[in-house]
Amino acid sequence: MEATSVRRVSSPARGAAPRQPTEHPLLTLQRTAGNRAVAQLIQRREKTIFSASVALAPLENIYSGKCDADLTAPAVRKTWSREVLGKETAVVFECGPESFRFSNFRAWFAERGPWRLELADEGSAWVPRAIERALDEISDDDGDAGPAFWTGYHTIKSALKTDLDHFCRG
């Protein structure tokens, strides 16, 4: 016959409090930090780095408060004004309730300055070369709306859509 050991569980002494089962560490954290903090910790996703394709600025500075922009068929408006030191040209993409204003300045008898985008915080940011070329095409071909205009239009519309989808729905 084999010998087996039997372990006896002793009952708690009289007057002693009964043992509570150990609690899961998340429950302890939830009690300490609160439901919302623990839910955010558990549901936290790894953040990916995404740089804006329409301007050289953080996404928050460009798209803050503009998540309701409708990019199905943005209207484009070109304006210009003569000033004492030169001429300012602006191309505005009107996307439903929101708009995106790109502008540049050309001093008299000088080359055109870089295109820039007005930011949500009322600052401005330079745009990358691809967007600059698209704005030049729109600006140069505005009266006729030929193939160059539409190429520029779709380049900027696509960049805005990509950025907005990442920032607002991301």
C-alpha atoms as a PDB file:
ATOM      1  CA  MET A   1       0.000   0.000   0.000  1.00  0.00           C
ATOM      2  CA  GLU A   2       1.047   3.458  -0.725  1.00  0.00           C
ATOM      3  CA  ALA A   3       1.246   6.038   1.944  1.00  0.00           C
ATOM      4  CA  THR A   4      -0.584   9.259   1.229  1.00  0.00           C
ATOM      5  CA  SER A   5      -0.333  12.360   3.159  1.00  0.00           C
ATOM      6  CA  VAL A   6      -3.443  14.145   4.172  1.00  0.00           C
ATOM      7  CA  ARG A   7      -3.350  17.785   4.903  1.00  0.00           C
ATOM      8  CA  ARG A   8      -5.876  19.080   7.291  1.00  0.00           C
ATOM      9  CA  VAL A   9      -7.239  22.541   6.941  1.00  0.00           C
ATOM     10  CA  SER A  10      -7.478  24.156  10.273  1.00  0.00           C
ATOM     11  CA  SER A  11     -10.522  26.193  11.009  1.00  0.00           C
ATOM     12  CA  PRO A  12     -10.008  29.760  12.102  1.00  0.00           C
ATOM     13  CA  ALA A  13      -9.729  30.315  15.803  1.00  0.00           C
ATOM     14  CA  ARG A  14     -12.807  31.504  17.483  1.00  0.00           C
ATOM     15  CA  GLY A  15     -13.155  35.253  17.402  1.00  0.00           C
ATOM     16  CA  ALA A  16     -10.732  35.648  14.441  1.00  0.00           C
ATOM     17  CA  ALA A  17     -12.076  37.176  11.229  1.00  0.00           C
ATOM     18  CA  PRO A  18     -12.607  34.683   8.387  1.00  0.00           C
ATOM     19  CA  ARG A  19     -10.045  34.915   5.563  1.00  0.00           C
ATOM     20  CA  GLN A  20     -11.133  36.874   2.493  1.00  0.00           C
ATOM     21  CA  PRO A  21     -10.150  35.496  -0.891  1.00  0.00           C
ATOM     22  CA  THR A  22      -7.325  37.511  -2.471  1.00  0.00           C
ATOM     23  CA  GLU A  23      -8.512  40.244  -4.792  1.00  0.00           C
ATOM     24  CA  HIS A  24      -7.416  40.665  -8.402  1.00  0.00           C
ATOM     25  CA  PRO A  25      -4.863  43.500  -8.742  1.00  0.00           C
ATOM     26  CA  LEU A  26      -7.067  45.315 -11.301  1.00  0.00           C
ATOM     27  CA  LEU A  27      -9.878  45.522  -8.782  1.00  0.00           C
ATOM     28  CA  THR A  28      -7.507  47.075  -6.262  1.00  0.00           C
ATOM     29  CA  LEU A  29      -6.328  49.554  -8.892  1.00  0.00           C
ATOM     30  CA  GLN A  30      -9.932  50.308  -9.890  1.00  0.00           C
ATOM     31  CA  ARG A  31     -10.864  51.029  -6.295  1.00  0.00           C
ATOM     32  CA  THR A  32      -7.833  53.306  -5.939  1.00  0.00           C
ATOM     33  CA  ALA A  33      -7.755  55.136  -9.302  1.00  0.00           C
ATOM     34  CA  GLY A  34     -11.376  54.870 -10.397  1.00  0.00           C
ATOM     35  CA  ASN A  35     -13.344  53.214 -13.184  1.00  0.00           C
ATOM     36  CA  ARG A  36     -12.468  55.684 -15.943  1.00  0.00           C
ATOM     37  CA  ALA A  37      -8.723  55.598 -15.301  1.00  0.00           C
ATOM     38  CA  VAL A  38      -8.595  51.805 -15.325  1.00  0.00           C
ATOM     39  CA  ALA A  39     -10.752  51.603 -18.481  1.00  0.00           C
ATOM     40  CA  GLN A  40      -8.422  54.031 -20.271  1.00  0.00           C
ATOM     41  CA  LEU A  41      -5.395  52.046 -19.144  1.00  0.00           C
ATOM     42  CA  ILE A  42      -6.828  48.742 -20.371  1.00  0.00           C
ATOM     43  CA  GLN A  43      -8.129  50.165 -23.668  1.00  0.00           C
ATOM     44  CA  ARG A  44      -5.024  52.201 -24.441  1.00  0.00           C
ATOM     45  CA  ARG A  45      -3.798  51.642 -27.956  1.00  0.00           C
ATOM     46  CA  GLU A  46      -0.247  52.032 -29.071  1.00  0.00           C
ATOM     47  CA  LYS A  47       0.060  55.430 -30.722  1.00  0.00           C
ATOM     48  CA  THR A  48       1.516  55.521 -34.166  1.00  0.00           C
ATOM     49  CA  ILE A  49       3.398  58.488 -35.450  1.00  0.00           C
ATOM     50  CA  PHE A  50       1.599  60.105 -38.359  1.00  0.00           C
ATOM     51  CA  SER A  51       2.784  63.275 -39.983  1.00  0.00           C
ATOM     52  CA  ALA A  52       0.373  65.554 -41.763  1.00  0.00           C
ATOM     53  CA  SER A  53       0.560  65.386 -45.531  1.00  0.00           C
ATOM     54  CA  VAL A  54      -0.955  68.813 -46.170  1.00  0.00           C
ATOM     55  CA  ALA A  55       1.313  71.043 -44.039  1.00  0.00           C
ATOM     56  CA  LEU A  56       4.436  70.926 -41.909  1.00  0.00           C
ATOM     57  CA  ALA A  57       2.663  71.101 -38.557  1.00  0.00           C
ATOM     58  CA  PRO A  58       1.195  68.720 -35.950  1.00  0.00           C
ATOM     59  CA  LEU A  59      -2.228  67.327 -36.875  1.00  0.00           C
ATOM     60  CA  GLU A  60      -3.808  68.940 -33.790  1.00  0.00           C
ATOM     61  CA  ASN A  61      -2.745  72.399 -34.957  1.00  0.00           C
ATOM     62  CA  ILE A  62      -4.244  71.874 -38.410  1.00  0.00           C
ATOM     63  CA  TYR A  63      -7.446  69.934 -37.763  1.00  0.00           C
ATOM     64  CA  SER A  64      -8.494  70.835 -34.221  1.00  0.00           C
ATOM     65  CA  GLY A  65     -12.223  71.616 -34.369  1.00  0.00           C
ATOM     66  CA  LYS A  66     -12.489  70.698 -38.058  1.00  0.00           C
ATOM     67  CA  CYS A  67     -13.617  67.070 -37.872  1.00  0.00           C
ATOM     68  CA  ASP A  68     -16.972  68.008 -39.383  1.00  0.00           C
ATOM     69  CA  ALA A  69     -15.355  69.045 -42.687  1.00  0.00           C
ATOM     70  CA  ASP A  70     -17.159  67.497 -45.667  1.00  0.00           C
ATOM     71  CA  LEU A  71     -14.688  66.473 -48.356  1.00  0.00           C
ATOM     72  CA  THR A  72     -17.151  64.884 -50.779  1.00  0.00           C
ATOM     73  CA  ALA A  73     -16.993  67.896 -53.134  1.00  0.00           C
ATOM     74  CA  PRO A  74     -15.094  70.855 -51.653  1.00  0.00           C
ATOM     75  CA  ALA A  75     -15.518  74.193 -53.385  1.00  0.00           C
ATOM     76  CA  VAL A  76     -12.352  76.078 -54.274  1.00  0.00           C
ATOM     77  CA  ARG A  77     -12.114  79.840 -54.201  1.00  0.00           C
ATOM     78  CA  LYS A  78      -9.108  81.892 -55.247  1.00  0.00           C
ATOM     79  CA  THR A  79      -8.606  85.414 -53.963  1.00  0.00           C
ATOM     80  CA  TRP A  80      -5.803  87.918 -54.273  1.00  0.00           C
ATOM     81  CA  SER A  81      -5.062  91.354 -52.945  1.00  0.00           C
ATOM     82  CA  ARG A  82      -2.513  93.999 -53.718  1.00  0.00           C
ATOM     83  CA  GLU A  83      -0.700  95.431 -50.786  1.00  0.00           C
ATOM     84  CA  VAL A  84       1.979  98.058 -50.325  1.00  0.00           C
ATOM     85  CA  LEU A  85       4.815  95.524 -50.354  1.00  0.00           C
ATOM     86  CA  GLY A  86       3.405  93.055 -52.887  1.00  0.00           C
ATOM     87  CA  LYS A  87       0.544  90.715 -53.752  1.00  0.00           C
ATOM     88  CA  GLU A  88      -1.049  88.005 -51.617  1.00  0.00           C
ATOM     89  CA  THR A  89      -2.772  85.055 -53.281  1.00  0.00           C
ATOM     90  CA  ALA A  90      -5.063  82.680 -51.399  1.00  0.00           C
ATOM     91  CA  VAL A  91      -6.696  79.393 -52.356  1.00  0.00           C
ATOM     92  CA  VAL A  92      -9.526  78.394 -50.023  1.00  0.00           C
ATOM     93  CA  PHE A  93     -10.977  74.881 -49.882  1.00  0.00           C
ATOM     94  CA  GLU A  94     -14.524  75.183 -48.508  1.00  0.00           C
ATOM     95  CA  CYS A  95     -15.491  71.821 -47.078  1.00  0.00           C
ATOM     96  CA  GLY A  96     -19.033  72.219 -45.798  1.00  0.00           C
ATOM     97  CA  PRO A  97     -18.930  74.087 -42.480  1.00  0.00           C
ATOM     98  CA  GLU A  98     -15.115  74.175 -42.428  1.00  0.00           C
ATOM     99  CA  SER A  99     -12.555  75.746 -44.719  1.00  0.00           C
ATOM    100  CA  PHE A 100      -8.824  75.438 -45.283  1.00  0.00           C
ATOM    101  CA  ARG A 101      -7.020  78.585 -46.436  1.00  0.00           C
ATOM    102  CA  PHE A 102      -3.677  78.361 -48.239  1.00  0.00           C
ATOM    103  CA  SER A 103      -1.861  81.601 -49.080  1.00  0.00           C
ATOM    104  CA  ASN A 104       1.404  82.997 -50.328  1.00  0.00           C
ATOM    105  CA  PHE A 105       2.963  86.414 -50.724  1.00  0.00           C
ATOM    106  CA  ARG A 106       4.921  87.775 -53.642  1.00  0.00           C
ATOM    107  CA  ALA A 107       6.867  90.960 -53.070  1.00  0.00           C
ATOM    108  CA  TRP A 108       6.950  93.375 -55.979  1.00  0.00           C
ATOM    109  CA  PHE A 109       9.693  92.407 -58.486  1.00  0.00           C
ATOM    110  CA  ALA A 110      10.581  89.248 -56.530  1.00  0.00           C
ATOM    111  CA  GLU A 111       9.903  85.523 -56.577  1.00  0.00           C
ATOM    112  CA  ARG A 112       6.787  84.108 -54.966  1.00  0.00           C
ATOM    113  CA  GLY A 113       7.191  83.138 -51.318  1.00  0.00           C
ATOM    114  CA  PRO A 114       6.285  79.680 -49.983  1.00  0.00           C
ATOM    115  CA  TRP A 115       2.674  78.560 -49.698  1.00  0.00           C
ATOM    116  CA  ARG A 116       1.392  78.285 -46.145  1.00  0.00           C
ATOM    117  CA  LEU A 117      -1.743  76.927 -44.506  1.00  0.00           C
ATOM    118  CA  GLU A 118      -3.639  78.829 -41.826  1.00  0.00           C
ATOM    119  CA  LEU A 119      -3.800  76.707 -38.684  1.00  0.00           C
ATOM    120  CA  ALA A 120      -6.627  76.231 -36.206  1.00  0.00           C
ATOM    121  CA  ASP A 121      -4.666  78.237 -33.596  1.00  0.00           C
ATOM    122  CA  GLU A 122      -4.434  81.184 -36.046  1.00  0.00           C
ATOM    123  CA  GLY A 123      -0.790  80.522 -36.876  1.00  0.00           C
ATOM    124  CA  SER A 124       0.444  79.263 -40.227  1.00  0.00           C
ATOM    125  CA  ALA A 125       2.587  76.403 -41.500  1.00  0.00           C
ATOM    126  CA  TRP A 126       4.495  75.851 -44.719  1.00  0.00           C
ATOM    127  CA  VAL A 127       3.269  73.137 -47.043  1.00  0.00           C
ATOM    128  CA  PRO A 128       5.350  70.304 -48.574  1.00  0.00           C
ATOM    129  CA  ARG A 129       6.491  70.441 -52.214  1.00  0.00           C
ATOM    130  CA  ALA A 130       3.706  68.197 -53.572  1.00  0.00           C
ATOM    131  CA  ILE A 131       1.021  70.414 -52.037  1.00  0.00           C
ATOM    132  CA  GLU A 132       2.883  73.541 -53.188  1.00  0.00           C
ATOM    133  CA  ARG A 133       2.890  72.253 -56.792  1.00  0.00           C
ATOM    134  CA  ALA A 134      -0.832  71.427 -56.528  1.00  0.00           C
ATOM    135  CA  LEU A 135      -1.584  74.937 -55.233  1.00  0.00           C
ATOM    136  CA  ASP A 136       0.440  76.445 -58.080  1.00  0.00           C
ATOM    137  CA  GLU A 137      -1.608  74.401 -60.563  1.00  0.00           C
ATOM    138  CA  ILE A 138      -4.872  75.569 -58.995  1.00  0.00           C
ATOM    139  CA  SER A 139      -3.721  79.163 -58.788  1.00  0.00           C
ATOM    140  CA  ASP A 140      -2.379  79.279 -62.367  1.00  0.00           C
ATOM    141  CA  ASP A 141      -5.314  77.417 -63.948  1.00  0.00           C
ATOM    142  CA  ASP A 142      -8.141  78.890 -61.867  1.00  0.00           C
ATOM    143  CA  GLY A 143      -9.987  80.787 -64.608  1.00  0.00           C
ATOM    144  CA  ASP A 144     -10.077  77.824 -67.008  1.00  0.00           C
ATOM    145  CA  ALA A 145     -10.294  74.829 -64.630  1.00  0.00           C
ATOM    146  CA  GLY A 146      -8.442  72.586 -67.056  1.00  0.00           C
ATOM    147  CA  PRO A 147      -6.556  69.359 -66.337  1.00  0.00           C
ATOM    148  CA  ALA A 148      -3.842  71.060 -64.261  1.00  0.00           C
ATOM    149  CA  PHE A 149      -6.478  72.606 -61.981  1.00  0.00           C
ATOM    150  CA  TRP A 150      -8.178  69.241 -61.430  1.00  0.00           C
ATOM    151  CA  THR A 151      -4.893  67.458 -60.796  1.00  0.00           C
ATOM    152  CA  GLY A 152      -4.034  69.995 -58.089  1.00  0.00           C
ATOM    153  CA  TYR A 153      -7.583  69.881 -56.698  1.00  0.00           C
ATOM    154  CA  HIS A 154      -7.547  66.089 -56.288  1.00  0.00           C
ATOM    155  CA  THR A 155      -4.031  66.099 -54.798  1.00  0.00           C
ATOM    156  CA  ILE A 156      -5.065  68.490 -52.022  1.00  0.00           C
ATOM    157  CA  LYS A 157      -8.480  66.905 -51.492  1.00  0.00           C
ATOM    158  CA  SER A 158      -6.811  63.490 -51.072  1.00  0.00           C
ATOM    159  CA  ALA A 159      -4.218  64.855 -48.608  1.00  0.00           C
ATOM    160  CA  LEU A 160      -6.923  66.588 -46.538  1.00  0.00           C
ATOM    161  CA  LYS A 161      -9.052  63.431 -46.486  1.00  0.00           C
ATOM    162  CA  THR A 162      -6.127  61.220 -45.415  1.00  0.00           C
ATOM    163  CA  ASP A 163      -5.162  63.609 -42.614  1.00  0.00           C
ATOM    164  CA  LEU A 164      -8.735  64.150 -41.403  1.00  0.00           C
ATOM    165  CA  ASP A 165      -9.488  60.417 -41.406  1.00  0.00           C
ATOM    166  CA  HIS A 166      -6.380  59.774 -39.313  1.00  0.00           C
ATOM    167  CA  PHE A 167      -6.930  62.690 -36.926  1.00  0.00           C
ATOM    168  CA  CYS A 168     -10.701  62.457 -36.430  1.00  0.00           C
ATOM    169  CA  ARG A 169     -11.416  58.772 -36.846  1.00  0.00           C
ATOM    170  CA  GLY A 170      -7.927  57.488 -36.115  1.00  0.00           C
END
